[in-house]
């Protein structure tokens, strides 16, 4: 699922899943006896609720929306304004949902949505005029049966609910919608809860199940697994073998430190908590405990490279399940393609276009492009008797349904077949990637990818003095948002004490330690108008999306306009950046100021607890630089008392946001924001004022603080 409501798992994603359970799921699927089966659809995600106080339906796309109670119809239309069929799809589907909810009783509204827009529903917009990969022929606003949640309005985080919460709410909403169907005839969108499928057919060929079970047995045998062992056991054995071969000098306990760390990192990230989820062991603690300085660099490198190894370890199981799912889906027809013969026509269309895409990319001689699609093509290729990969078999695109969703042992899982590799191949074929041009324009036929013709590039701008965990979590959330093709962190090389002590190279070294890929870190003159990035493309090829904090978006006049076109023809818009809230004990919420105050005098242990990692060079670099900065900030405060000019009153981030002026003013066509404007001085305003006695006390306290600082006494 992704986004606000987290990840919907493949069965091999659950570390507690036993191999016996995997086989049981396969047997049930082969017999057509999976529970609560629904179709996984290929639409545009939206999360919806209702505000009882003002009687309006609400929509959310991120946690900032949730904390504010969601967007009303006007805000939703503005968010997706000017995007053609995409705008129409969201606005008209939302209007249909509004029409339906207005028919509910007050008691139903309270039960379904809570007293303060607390409960949001996981929904999907499907419009033939705004198709993704699959062409549906009905306009549907579809409420899923899973992924609904109650939220804390202050934090934007889900509240723990009783087991079965989503299904109970989906059933109640379905009953209310059925009673409102008469009014729904006024809309060209149907609003419905995803129906439970009773038509999952048993496999007609028993050899399919036999091959799948045999494939799982083979994977188990390589790691010495039994039916009672779990996916976690299987992965642990693979990691142990890797660590033993890489570091034969380590003891079992030392190996376990590394394995525990990467296991927690991986499954934390898979559950949406990110790799900085409380893991108990940090890199510095691990290498200190192991006590082999000569191995430090190699140990840290192995830990950082954990995603690649997990992918390799799970692939034998993933491959078996993928091929089995293709056969299960072969008999599944989409409920949202209703024309006679429409399902068969859609499968044939997808097969033809994927075949053309593969042939064109391979004939291009572009080795980078071929490497990108290699794994996807293998997923659509025959498996020979000796286990080798054979020729491409487009019949593995077996259904117009993206997949099926089902329940097992209290969890919701998905089977996806040929859709995922087809989607990846067609995306590269149509749009290309950085450094790889698009290969063909003909896929516009049949509405494929019609809703977006431009590459969408996300820019997370800022000073990052220094980048903290909250920044990195925001970057991760932006990078995984639907519709974003590439995500960059943009910052300048400007150094200005006391609030901008770090140069670009110093900031970059910190970003790399957090995990931002090196090729996604940009040095620019103005982070809020990253022309250095935009000019790598032609104006009509890209849309630049700048992510800015919600508070600034809501209150700062610099953001009265949220989209436009630069003078040299580049489309741009501003979106609200996801907010990651982390507390630094004793310093308050993590931000640039609190980080500088904390890290300037932090011990190595405190540094690692705050940053989530430890690097000796960066630690000493920040200690030296930030001690000077913190002293400079104290001196600045005293200077402000001794020379009582009118303070600017501007916050640190407001100064940063002034950089937006070159985009919104001289470099943007047809509009100029009131950036950096100041009220004219009034005659006589320079007249001296008597200081309040309180000011003398504050000045005296600051002098004492400076003396303490110089004497090496810890303050505060």
Foldseek 3Di string as FASTA:
>chain_A
DDFLLFDFAALLLDQQAFLLNVLVVLVCLLALNFFQKFFDAFFAKWKWAAAPVVGFIFIDRHLVQLLVLHDGLVVLLVVCPPLPPVSVQVNQQRVLVSLLVVQFDPVLNCVQQNNGSFKIFIWGWADQLAGAQFRFDATETETEQDRIFGADSNRSHGDDDDFSVSNVSLVSVQVSSVVRVVSSVVGSYRYHYGDRDSPQHNFPDPVLSVVLSVLSVVLCVVQVHDRNRGSNSQLLSLQLVVCCVVCVPFDPVLSVLLSLLLVCQVSCVNRVNHSLPPRVDFLVNSCVVRVDVVCSVVSVVCSLPSVVSVCVSCVSNVLSLQQSQLSSCLPPADPRHPPVCRWVVRLVVLLVVLVVLVVQVVVVPPVVLCVQLVVLQQLQFDQDPVRDTHHGHSCQSRTSGQWMWGDDPSGIHIHGYSNVSSSSSVCCCQCNAVVGHRRDPPVPPSVHNVSDNAAEEEEEEDLPLPPALFNVSLQVSVQPRPRHRYYAYEHEQDDDFPQRHHGLVLNLVLVVVSPDDSVRYYHAPFSLCRVVVVVSDQQVHYEYEYEDAPVCCVPPLLNPDAWAAWPNRHTYGYDHTHGDWDALVPQGTDDSVSCLVDLLPDDQVSVCVGRVHGDPVSSVVSNVRSLVRVLVVLVVVLVCLVVVDPDPPDDPVLVSCLSNQVRQDPGTPPGGTCRPDDDDDDPPPVPDDDDDPVSVVVSVVSVVVSVCSVVVHDDD
